Amino acid sequence: PYEFEYEVLDHELAGSWEFEIDNESDFESFKKVFAPISHDLDQLNY
């Protein structure tokens, strides 16, 4: 392509969202979901 179209990203999910983990229970819940697709997270202990 030699042409590009820029468009403002304004849908409902657009942008940055965050949450804090400060206990082992939440950490293990998060790790349960994502450790299977992240070797680094799988190796991390609380």
All heavy atoms as atom14 arrays in JSON, in Angstrom:
{
  "sequence": "PYEFEYEVLDHELAGSWEFEIDNESDFESFKKVFAPISHDLDQLNY",
  "atom14_mask": [
    [1, 1, 1, 1, 1, 1, 1, 0, 0, 0, 0, 0, 0, 0],
    [1, 1, 1, 1, 1, 1, 1, 1, 1, 1, 1, 1, 0, 0],
    [1, 1, 1, 1, 1, 1, 1, 1, 1, 0, 0, 0, 0, 0],
    [1, 1, 1, 1, 1, 1, 1, 1, 1, 1, 1, 0, 0, 0],
    [1, 1, 1, 1, 1, 1, 1, 1, 1, 0, 0, 0, 0, 0],
    [1, 1, 1, 1, 1, 1, 1, 1, 1, 1, 1, 1, 0, 0],
    [1, 1, 1, 1, 1, 1, 1, 1, 1, 0, 0, 0, 0, 0],
    [1, 1, 1, 1, 1, 1, 1, 0, 0, 0, 0, 0, 0, 0],
    [1, 1, 1, 1, 1, 1, 1, 1, 0, 0, 0, 0, 0, 0],
    [1, 1, 1, 1, 1, 1, 1, 1, 0, 0, 0, 0, 0, 0],
    [1, 1, 1, 1, 1, 1, 1, 1, 1, 1, 0, 0, 0, 0],
    [1, 1, 1, 1, 1, 1, 1, 1, 1, 0, 0, 0, 0, 0],
    [1, 1, 1, 1, 1, 1, 1, 1, 0, 0, 0, 0, 0, 0],
    [1, 1, 1, 1, 1, 0, 0, 0, 0, 0, 0, 0, 0, 0],
    [1, 1, 1, 1, 0, 0, 0, 0, 0, 0, 0, 0, 0, 0],
    [1, 1, 1, 1, 1, 1, 0, 0, 0, 0, 0, 0, 0, 0],
    [1, 1, 1, 1, 1, 1, 1, 1, 1, 1, 1, 1, 1, 1],
    [1, 1, 1, 1, 1, 1, 1, 1, 1, 0, 0, 0, 0, 0],
    [1, 1, 1, 1, 1, 1, 1, 1, 1, 1, 1, 0, 0, 0],
    [1, 1, 1, 1, 1, 1, 1, 1, 1, 0, 0, 0, 0, 0],
    [1, 1, 1, 1, 1, 1, 1, 1, 0, 0, 0, 0, 0, 0],
    [1, 1, 1, 1, 1, 1, 1, 1, 0, 0, 0, 0, 0, 0],
    [1, 1, 1, 1, 1, 1, 1, 1, 0, 0, 0, 0, 0, 0],
    [1, 1, 1, 1, 1, 1, 1, 1, 1, 0, 0, 0, 0, 0],
    [1, 1, 1, 1, 1, 1, 0, 0, 0, 0, 0, 0, 0, 0],
    [1, 1, 1, 1, 1, 1, 1, 1, 0, 0, 0, 0, 0, 0],
    [1, 1, 1, 1, 1, 1, 1, 1, 1, 1, 1, 0, 0, 0],
    [1, 1, 1, 1, 1, 1, 1, 1, 1, 0, 0, 0, 0, 0],
    [1, 1, 1, 1, 1, 1, 0, 0, 0, 0, 0, 0, 0, 0],
    [1, 1, 1, 1, 1, 1, 1, 1, 1, 1, 1, 0, 0, 0],
    [1, 1, 1, 1, 1, 1, 1, 1, 1, 0, 0, 0, 0, 0],
    [1, 1, 1, 1, 1, 1, 1, 1, 1, 0, 0, 0, 0, 0],
    [1, 1, 1, 1, 1, 1, 1, 0, 0, 0, 0, 0, 0, 0],
    [1, 1, 1, 1, 1, 1, 1, 1, 1, 1, 1, 0, 0, 0],
    [1, 1, 1, 1, 1, 0, 0, 0, 0, 0, 0, 0, 0, 0],
    [1, 1, 1, 1, 1, 1, 1, 0, 0, 0, 0, 0, 0, 0],
    [1, 1, 1, 1, 1, 1, 1, 1, 0, 0, 0, 0, 0, 0],
    [1, 1, 1, 1, 1, 1, 0, 0, 0, 0, 0, 0, 0, 0],
    [1, 1, 1, 1, 1, 1, 1, 1, 1, 1, 0, 0, 0, 0],
    [1, 1, 1, 1, 1, 1, 1, 1, 0, 0, 0, 0, 0, 0],
    [1, 1, 1, 1, 1, 1, 1, 1, 0, 0, 0, 0, 0, 0],
    [1, 1, 1, 1, 1, 1, 1, 1, 0, 0, 0, 0, 0, 0],
    [1, 1, 1, 1, 1, 1, 1, 1, 1, 0, 0, 0, 0, 0],
    [1, 1, 1, 1, 1, 1, 1, 1, 0, 0, 0, 0, 0, 0],
    [1, 1, 1, 1, 1, 1, 1, 1, 0, 0, 0, 0, 0, 0],
    [1, 1, 1, 1, 1, 1, 1, 1, 1, 1, 1, 1, 0, 0]
  ],
  "atom14_positions": [
    [[0.82, -1.22, 0.0], [0.0, 0.0, 0.0], [0.85, 1.27, 0.0], [1.92, 1.3, 0.62], [-0.8, -0.12, 1.3], [0.08, -0.91, 2.21], [0.8, -1.89, 1.34], [0.0, 0.0, 0.0], [0.0, 0.0, 0.0], [0.0, 0.0, 0.0], [0.0, 0.0, 0.0], [0.0, 0.0, 0.0], [0.0, 0.0, 0.0], [0.0, 0.0, 0.0]],
    [[0.36, 2.29, -0.67], [1.02, 3.58, -0.68], [0.1, 4.66, -0.09], [0.45, 5.84, -0.1], [1.45, 3.97, -2.1], [0.35, 3.95, -3.13], [-0.54, 5.01, -3.23], [0.21, 2.86, -3.98], [-1.56, 4.98, -4.16], [-0.8, 2.83, -4.92], [-1.69, 3.89, -5.01], [-2.7, 3.85, -5.92], [0.0, 0.0, 0.0], [0.0, 0.0, 0.0]],
    [[-1.08, 4.24, 0.4], [-2.0, 5.17, 1.05], [-2.4, 4.64, 2.42], [-2.61, 3.43, 2.59], [-3.25, 5.38, 0.19], [-4.21, 6.44, 0.74], [-5.37, 6.71, -0.19], [-6.35, 5.95, -0.15], [-5.28, 7.68, -0.98], [0.0, 0.0, 0.0], [0.0, 0.0, 0.0], [0.0, 0.0, 0.0], [0.0, 0.0, 0.0], [0.0, 0.0, 0.0]],
    [[-2.48, 5.54, 3.39], [-2.79, 5.18, 4.78], [-3.89, 6.09, 5.3], [-3.9, 7.29, 4.99], [-1.52, 5.34, 5.63], [-1.77, 5.37, 7.11], [-1.95, 4.19, 7.82], [-1.81, 6.57, 7.8], [-2.17, 4.22, 9.18], [-2.02, 6.6, 9.17], [-2.21, 5.42, 9.87], [0.0, 0.0, 0.0], [0.0, 0.0, 0.0], [0.0, 0.0, 0.0]],
    [[-4.8, 5.51, 6.07], [-5.87, 6.32, 6.68], [-5.77, 6.27, 8.2], [-5.79, 5.19, 8.79], [-7.25, 5.84, 6.23], [-8.37, 6.71, 6.78], [-9.73, 6.39, 6.19], [-9.81, 5.41, 5.4], [-10.71, 7.09, 6.52], [0.0, 0.0, 0.0], [0.0, 0.0, 0.0], [0.0, 0.0, 0.0], [0.0, 0.0, 0.0], [0.0, 0.0, 0.0]],
    [[-5.65, 7.45, 8.78], [-5.6, 7.58, 10.25], [-7.0, 7.89, 10.76], [-7.7, 8.72, 10.2], [-4.65, 8.7, 10.66], [-4.6, 8.94, 12.15], [-3.63, 8.32, 12.94], [-5.52, 9.78, 12.78], [-3.59, 8.53, 14.3], [-5.48, 9.99, 14.15], [-4.51, 9.36, 14.91], [-4.47, 9.56, 16.27], [0.0, 0.0, 0.0], [0.0, 0.0, 0.0]],
    [[-7.39, 7.22, 11.84], [-8.71, 7.46, 12.41], [-8.6, 7.46, 13.93], [-7.96, 6.58, 14.52], [-9.7, 6.39, 11.95], [-11.12, 6.67, 12.36], [-12.1, 5.7, 11.73], [-11.65, 4.74, 11.08], [-13.31, 5.91, 11.87], [0.0, 0.0, 0.0], [0.0, 0.0, 0.0], [0.0, 0.0, 0.0], [0.0, 0.0, 0.0], [0.0, 0.0, 0.0]],
    [[-9.23, 8.45, 14.56], [-9.21, 8.53, 16.02], [-9.87, 7.29, 16.6], [-10.93, 6.86, 16.16], [-9.93, 9.8, 16.5], [-10.12, 9.76, 18.02], [-9.14, 11.03, 16.12], [0.0, 0.0, 0.0], [0.0, 0.0, 0.0], [0.0, 0.0, 0.0], [0.0, 0.0, 0.0], [0.0, 0.0, 0.0], [0.0, 0.0, 0.0], [0.0, 0.0, 0.0]],
    [[-9.21, 6.7, 17.58], [-9.7, 5.49, 18.23], [-10.63, 5.89, 19.37], [-10.19, 6.34, 20.43], [-8.51, 4.69, 18.76], [-8.74, 3.28, 19.26], [-9.28, 2.4, 18.15], [-7.44, 2.7, 19.79], [0.0, 0.0, 0.0], [0.0, 0.0, 0.0], [0.0, 0.0, 0.0], [0.0, 0.0, 0.0], [0.0, 0.0, 0.0], [0.0, 0.0, 0.0]],
    [[-11.94, 5.75, 19.16], [-12.89, 6.26, 20.15], [-13.96, 5.24, 20.55], [-15.0, 5.6, 21.07], [-13.57, 7.53, 19.63], [-14.38, 7.29, 18.37], [-14.25, 6.19, 17.8], [-15.13, 8.18, 17.96], [0.0, 0.0, 0.0], [0.0, 0.0, 0.0], [0.0, 0.0, 0.0], [0.0, 0.0, 0.0], [0.0, 0.0, 0.0], [0.0, 0.0, 0.0]],
    [[-13.7, 3.92, 20.31], [-14.7, 2.93, 20.73], [-14.62, 2.71, 22.24], [-13.72, 3.21, 22.92], [-14.54, 1.63, 19.94], [-13.23, 0.93, 20.15], [-12.85, 0.39, 21.35], [-12.2, 0.68, 19.3], [-11.66, -0.18, 21.24], [-11.24, 0.0, 20.0], [0.0, 0.0, 0.0], [0.0, 0.0, 0.0], [0.0, 0.0, 0.0], [0.0, 0.0, 0.0]],
    [[-15.56, 1.96, 22.78], [-15.73, 1.86, 24.23], [-14.56, 1.22, 24.97], [-14.33, 1.51, 26.15], [-17.02, 1.1, 24.55], [-17.08, -0.29, 23.92], [-18.43, -0.96, 24.14], [-19.13, -0.57, 25.1], [-18.78, -1.86, 23.36], [0.0, 0.0, 0.0], [0.0, 0.0, 0.0], [0.0, 0.0, 0.0], [0.0, 0.0, 0.0], [0.0, 0.0, 0.0]],
    [[-13.8, 0.35, 24.31], [-12.67, -0.3, 24.98], [-11.36, 0.48, 24.83], [-10.39, 0.2, 25.55], [-12.46, -1.71, 24.42], [-13.43, -2.79, 24.88], [-13.15, -4.09, 24.13], [-13.32, -3.01, 26.38], [0.0, 0.0, 0.0], [0.0, 0.0, 0.0], [0.0, 0.0, 0.0], [0.0, 0.0, 0.0], [0.0, 0.0, 0.0], [0.0, 0.0, 0.0]],
    [[-11.33, 1.43, 23.91], [-10.09, 2.12, 23.56], [-9.41, 2.75, 24.78], [-10.06, 3.33, 25.65], [-10.37, 3.2, 22.52], [0.0, 0.0, 0.0], [0.0, 0.0, 0.0], [0.0, 0.0, 0.0], [0.0, 0.0, 0.0], [0.0, 0.0, 0.0], [0.0, 0.0, 0.0], [0.0, 0.0, 0.0], [0.0, 0.0, 0.0], [0.0, 0.0, 0.0]],
    [[-8.1, 2.6, 24.81], [-7.32, 3.24, 25.87], [-6.73, 2.24, 26.85], [-6.65, 1.04, 26.59], [0.0, 0.0, 0.0], [0.0, 0.0, 0.0], [0.0, 0.0, 0.0], [0.0, 0.0, 0.0], [0.0, 0.0, 0.0], [0.0, 0.0, 0.0], [0.0, 0.0, 0.0], [0.0, 0.0, 0.0], [0.0, 0.0, 0.0], [0.0, 0.0, 0.0]],
    [[-6.34, 2.74, 27.99], [-5.63, 1.95, 28.99], [-6.5, 1.74, 30.23], [-7.11, 2.68, 30.74], [-4.32, 2.65, 29.38], [-3.6, 1.91, 30.33], [0.0, 0.0, 0.0], [0.0, 0.0, 0.0], [0.0, 0.0, 0.0], [0.0, 0.0, 0.0], [0.0, 0.0, 0.0], [0.0, 0.0, 0.0], [0.0, 0.0, 0.0], [0.0, 0.0, 0.0]],
    [[-6.54, 0.5, 30.69], [-7.29, 0.12, 31.9], [-6.33, -0.65, 32.82], [-5.5, -1.41, 32.35], [-8.47, -0.78, 31.54], [-9.39, -0.22, 30.49], [-9.19, -0.2, 29.13], [-10.66, 0.39, 30.71], [-10.26, 0.39, 28.5], [-11.18, 0.76, 29.44], [-11.43, 0.67, 31.85], [-12.42, 1.37, 29.28], [-12.66, 1.28, 31.69], [-13.14, 1.64, 30.42]],
    [[-6.48, -0.47, 34.12], [-5.54, -1.14, 35.03], [-6.19, -1.54, 36.34], [-7.23, -0.99, 36.74], [-4.33, -0.25, 35.29], [-4.64, 1.08, 35.93], [-3.4, 1.94, 36.11], [-2.59, 2.03, 35.15], [-3.25, 2.53, 37.2], [0.0, 0.0, 0.0], [0.0, 0.0, 0.0], [0.0, 0.0, 0.0], [0.0, 0.0, 0.0], [0.0, 0.0, 0.0]],
    [[-5.58, -2.52, 36.99], [-5.98, -2.86, 38.37], [-4.75, -3.31, 39.15], [-3.74, -3.72, 38.57], [-7.1, -3.9, 38.4], [-6.67, -5.33, 38.18], [-6.36, -6.16, 39.24], [-6.59, -5.86, 36.89], [-5.98, -7.47, 39.03], [-6.21, -7.17, 36.67], [-5.9, -7.98, 37.75], [0.0, 0.0, 0.0], [0.0, 0.0, 0.0], [0.0, 0.0, 0.0]],
    [[-4.86, -3.21, 40.47], [-3.73, -3.53, 41.34], [-3.93, -4.91, 41.97], [-5.04, -5.29, 42.35], [-3.6, -2.48, 42.45], [-3.48, -1.05, 41.96], [-2.13, -0.74, 41.35], [-1.16, -1.47, 41.66], [-2.04, 0.24, 40.57], [0.0, 0.0, 0.0], [0.0, 0.0, 0.0], [0.0, 0.0, 0.0], [0.0, 0.0, 0.0], [0.0, 0.0, 0.0]],
    [[-2.85, -5.65, 42.08], [-2.84, -6.92, 42.81], [-2.0, -6.72, 44.07], [-0.83, -6.32, 43.98], [-2.25, -8.06, 41.96], [-3.14, -8.35, 40.75], [-2.08, -9.32, 42.8], [-2.59, -9.41, 39.82], [0.0, 0.0, 0.0], [0.0, 0.0, 0.0], [0.0, 0.0, 0.0], [0.0, 0.0, 0.0], [0.0, 0.0, 0.0], [0.0, 0.0, 0.0]],
    [[-2.6, -6.96, 45.23], [-1.85, -6.76, 46.49], [-2.04, -7.91, 47.46], [-1.78, -7.78, 48.66], [-2.25, -5.44, 47.15], [-3.74, -5.37, 47.47], [-4.44, -6.39, 47.29], [-4.21, -4.3, 47.9], [0.0, 0.0, 0.0], [0.0, 0.0, 0.0], [0.0, 0.0, 0.0], [0.0, 0.0, 0.0], [0.0, 0.0, 0.0], [0.0, 0.0, 0.0]],
    [[-2.51, -9.06, 46.95], [-2.63, -10.23, 47.82], [-2.42, -11.49, 46.98], [-2.59, -11.5, 45.76], [-3.98, -10.26, 48.53], [-5.15, -10.34, 47.57], [-5.47, -11.42, 47.06], [-5.78, -9.19, 47.29], [0.0, 0.0, 0.0], [0.0, 0.0, 0.0], [0.0, 0.0, 0.0], [0.0, 0.0, 0.0], [0.0, 0.0, 0.0], [0.0, 0.0, 0.0]],
    [[-2.05, -12.55, 47.67], [-1.68, -13.77, 46.96], [-2.86, -14.43, 46.27], [-2.72, -15.03, 45.2], [-1.03, -14.76, 47.94], [-0.45, -15.99, 47.25], [0.42, -16.82, 48.17], [0.5, -16.5, 49.38], [1.03, -17.8, 47.67], [0.0, 0.0, 0.0], [0.0, 0.0, 0.0], [0.0, 0.0, 0.0], [0.0, 0.0, 0.0], [0.0, 0.0, 0.0]],
    [[-4.06, -14.28, 46.84], [-5.24, -14.89, 46.24], [-5.52, -14.31, 44.86], [-5.75, -15.05, 43.9], [-6.46, -14.68, 47.15], [-7.62, -15.22, 46.54], [0.0, 0.0, 0.0], [0.0, 0.0, 0.0], [0.0, 0.0, 0.0], [0.0, 0.0, 0.0], [0.0, 0.0, 0.0], [0.0, 0.0, 0.0], [0.0, 0.0, 0.0], [0.0, 0.0, 0.0]],
    [[-5.49, -12.98, 44.75], [-5.7, -12.34, 43.44], [-4.6, -12.69, 42.46], [-4.84, -12.87, 41.26], [-5.8, -10.82, 43.61], [-7.1, -10.38, 44.25], [-8.02, -11.21, 44.36], [-7.2, -9.21, 44.65], [0.0, 0.0, 0.0], [0.0, 0.0, 0.0], [0.0, 0.0, 0.0], [0.0, 0.0, 0.0], [0.0, 0.0, 0.0], [0.0, 0.0, 0.0]],
    [[-3.37, -12.78, 42.98], [-2.24, -13.13, 42.13], [-2.43, -14.53, 41.53], [-2.24, -14.73, 40.32], [-0.94, -13.07, 42.92], [0.27, -13.54, 42.15], [0.88, -12.72, 41.21], [0.78, -14.82, 42.34], [1.99, -13.16, 40.48], [1.88, -15.27, 41.63], [2.48, -14.44, 40.7], [0.0, 0.0, 0.0], [0.0, 0.0, 0.0], [0.0, 0.0, 0.0]],
    [[-2.82, -15.48, 42.36], [-2.99, -16.85, 41.89], [-4.16, -16.95, 40.91], [-4.11, -17.73, 39.96], [-3.19, -17.81, 43.06], [-1.95, -17.98, 43.94], [-0.75, -18.51, 43.17], [-0.95, -19.27, 42.18], [0.4, -18.19, 43.53], [0.0, 0.0, 0.0], [0.0, 0.0, 0.0], [0.0, 0.0, 0.0], [0.0, 0.0, 0.0], [0.0, 0.0, 0.0]],
    [[-5.21, -16.14, 41.13], [-6.34, -16.13, 40.2], [-5.91, -15.62, 38.83], [-6.28, -16.18, 37.79], [-7.47, -15.27, 40.75], [-8.01, -15.82, 41.92], [0.0, 0.0, 0.0], [0.0, 0.0, 0.0], [0.0, 0.0, 0.0], [0.0, 0.0, 0.0], [0.0, 0.0, 0.0], [0.0, 0.0, 0.0], [0.0, 0.0, 0.0], [0.0, 0.0, 0.0]],
    [[-5.12, -14.54, 38.85], [-4.64, -13.97, 37.59], [-3.67, -14.93, 36.9], [-3.75, -15.14, 35.67], [-3.94, -12.63, 37.86], [-3.53, -11.92, 36.62], [-4.44, -11.17, 35.89], [-2.23, -11.99, 36.16], [-4.07, -10.51, 34.73], [-1.84, -11.34, 35.01], [-2.76, -10.6, 34.29], [0.0, 0.0, 0.0], [0.0, 0.0, 0.0], [0.0, 0.0, 0.0]],
    [[-2.82, -15.55, 37.69], [-1.84, -16.49, 37.15], [-2.54, -17.72, 36.56], [-2.11, -18.27, 35.54], [-0.85, -16.9, 38.24], [0.32, -17.74, 37.75], [1.33, -17.95, 38.86], [2.48, -18.83, 38.38], [3.5, -19.03, 39.45], [0.0, 0.0, 0.0], [0.0, 0.0, 0.0], [0.0, 0.0, 0.0], [0.0, 0.0, 0.0], [0.0, 0.0, 0.0]],
    [[-3.63, -18.13, 37.18], [-4.39, -19.28, 36.69], [-4.85, -19.07, 35.25], [-4.85, -19.99, 34.43], [-5.6, -19.51, 37.6], [-6.5, -20.65, 37.17], [-7.7, -20.76, 38.11], [-8.66, -21.85, 37.66], [-9.85, -21.93, 38.55], [0.0, 0.0, 0.0], [0.0, 0.0, 0.0], [0.0, 0.0, 0.0], [0.0, 0.0, 0.0], [0.0, 0.0, 0.0]],
    [[-5.23, -17.81, 34.94], [-5.71, -17.5, 33.6], [-4.57, -17.38, 32.61], [-4.58, -18.0, 31.54], [-6.54, -16.2, 33.61], [-7.01, -15.86, 32.19], [-7.73, -16.31, 34.55], [0.0, 0.0, 0.0], [0.0, 0.0, 0.0], [0.0, 0.0, 0.0], [0.0, 0.0, 0.0], [0.0, 0.0, 0.0], [0.0, 0.0, 0.0], [0.0, 0.0, 0.0]],
    [[-3.55, -16.59, 32.96], [-2.57, -16.18, 31.95], [-1.25, -16.94, 31.97], [-0.5, -16.87, 30.99], [-2.3, -14.68, 32.09], [-3.46, -13.83, 31.69], [-4.29, -13.25, 32.64], [-3.75, -13.62, 30.35], [-5.37, -12.48, 32.26], [-4.82, -12.86, 29.96], [-5.65, -12.29, 30.92], [0.0, 0.0, 0.0], [0.0, 0.0, 0.0], [0.0, 0.0, 0.0]],
    [[-0.94, -17.66, 33.03], [0.32, -18.41, 33.05], [0.43, -19.42, 31.9], [1.54, -19.62, 31.38], [0.5, -19.11, 34.4], [0.0, 0.0, 0.0], [0.0, 0.0, 0.0], [0.0, 0.0, 0.0], [0.0, 0.0, 0.0], [0.0, 0.0, 0.0], [0.0, 0.0, 0.0], [0.0, 0.0, 0.0], [0.0, 0.0, 0.0], [0.0, 0.0, 0.0]],
    [[-0.67, -20.05, 31.46], [-0.53, -21.01, 30.35], [-0.04, -20.39, 29.04], [0.45, -21.12, 28.17], [-1.96, -21.55, 30.19], [-2.59, -21.38, 31.52], [-2.03, -20.1, 32.05], [0.0, 0.0, 0.0], [0.0, 0.0, 0.0], [0.0, 0.0, 0.0], [0.0, 0.0, 0.0], [0.0, 0.0, 0.0], [0.0, 0.0, 0.0], [0.0, 0.0, 0.0]],
    [[-0.15, -19.07, 28.88], [0.33, -18.43, 27.64], [1.46, -17.45, 27.9], [1.82, -16.68, 27.02], [-0.82, -17.72, 26.88], [-1.51, -16.69, 27.78], [-1.81, -18.74, 26.35], [-2.51, -15.83, 27.04], [0.0, 0.0, 0.0], [0.0, 0.0, 0.0], [0.0, 0.0, 0.0], [0.0, 0.0, 0.0], [0.0, 0.0, 0.0], [0.0, 0.0, 0.0]],
    [[2.01, -17.47, 29.12], [3.16, -16.61, 29.44], [4.15, -17.39, 30.29], [3.9, -17.64, 31.48], [2.71, -15.35, 30.18], [3.83, -14.62, 30.65], [0.0, 0.0, 0.0], [0.0, 0.0, 0.0], [0.0, 0.0, 0.0], [0.0, 0.0, 0.0], [0.0, 0.0, 0.0], [0.0, 0.0, 0.0], [0.0, 0.0, 0.0], [0.0, 0.0, 0.0]],
    [[5.26, -17.77, 29.69], [6.28, -18.52, 30.41], [6.83, -17.71, 31.58], [7.06, -18.25, 32.67], [7.41, -18.89, 29.44], [8.55, -19.61, 30.09], [8.47, -20.92, 30.51], [9.82, -19.18, 30.4], [9.62, -21.28, 31.04], [10.46, -20.27, 30.99], [0.0, 0.0, 0.0], [0.0, 0.0, 0.0], [0.0, 0.0, 0.0], [0.0, 0.0, 0.0]],
    [[7.04, -16.41, 31.36], [7.59, -15.57, 32.43], [6.65, -15.49, 33.63], [7.08, -15.54, 34.78], [7.87, -14.16, 31.9], [9.03, -14.14, 30.92], [9.86, -15.04, 30.97], [9.08, -13.22, 30.08], [0.0, 0.0, 0.0], [0.0, 0.0, 0.0], [0.0, 0.0, 0.0], [0.0, 0.0, 0.0], [0.0, 0.0, 0.0], [0.0, 0.0, 0.0]],
    [[5.34, -15.36, 33.36], [4.37, -15.31, 34.46], [4.29, -16.66, 35.15], [4.17, -16.74, 36.38], [3.0, -14.9, 33.93], [1.88, -14.78, 34.97], [2.24, -13.75, 36.03], [0.56, -14.41, 34.29], [0.0, 0.0, 0.0], [0.0, 0.0, 0.0], [0.0, 0.0, 0.0], [0.0, 0.0, 0.0], [0.0, 0.0, 0.0], [0.0, 0.0, 0.0]],
    [[4.39, -17.72, 34.38], [4.35, -19.07, 34.95], [5.5, -19.29, 35.92], [5.35, -20.0, 36.92], [4.39, -20.1, 33.82], [4.24, -21.51, 34.32], [3.29, -21.77, 35.07], [5.08, -22.36, 33.95], [0.0, 0.0, 0.0], [0.0, 0.0, 0.0], [0.0, 0.0, 0.0], [0.0, 0.0, 0.0], [0.0, 0.0, 0.0], [0.0, 0.0, 0.0]],
    [[6.65, -18.68, 35.64], [7.83, -18.84, 36.49], [7.84, -17.91, 37.7], [8.67, -18.06, 38.6], [9.1, -18.6, 35.65], [9.29, -19.57, 34.5], [9.44, -21.0, 34.97], [10.33, -21.31, 35.76], [8.55, -21.88, 34.5], [0.0, 0.0, 0.0], [0.0, 0.0, 0.0], [0.0, 0.0, 0.0], [0.0, 0.0, 0.0], [0.0, 0.0, 0.0]],
    [[6.92, -16.94, 37.7], [6.9, -15.95, 38.78], [6.09, -16.45, 39.97], [4.97, -16.94, 39.82], [6.3, -14.64, 38.26], [6.24, -13.47, 39.26], [7.64, -13.03, 39.68], [5.45, -12.3, 38.66], [0.0, 0.0, 0.0], [0.0, 0.0, 0.0], [0.0, 0.0, 0.0], [0.0, 0.0, 0.0], [0.0, 0.0, 0.0], [0.0, 0.0, 0.0]],
    [[6.66, -16.31, 41.17], [5.97, -16.65, 42.42], [5.68, -15.38, 43.21], [6.44, -14.41, 43.15], [6.81, -17.62, 43.26], [7.02, -18.95, 42.56], [6.06, -19.59, 42.11], [8.28, -19.36, 42.45], [0.0, 0.0, 0.0], [0.0, 0.0, 0.0], [0.0, 0.0, 0.0], [0.0, 0.0, 0.0], [0.0, 0.0, 0.0], [0.0, 0.0, 0.0]],
    [[4.6, -15.42, 43.97], [4.19, -14.23, 44.7], [5.26, -13.78, 45.7], [5.46, -12.58, 45.92], [2.87, -14.51, 45.43], [2.25, -13.29, 46.06], [1.75, -12.25, 45.27], [2.16, -13.16, 47.45], [1.18, -11.13, 45.85], [1.59, -12.05, 48.04], [1.1, -11.03, 47.22], [0.54, -9.91, 47.8], [0.0, 0.0, 0.0], [0.0, 0.0, 0.0]]
  ]
}
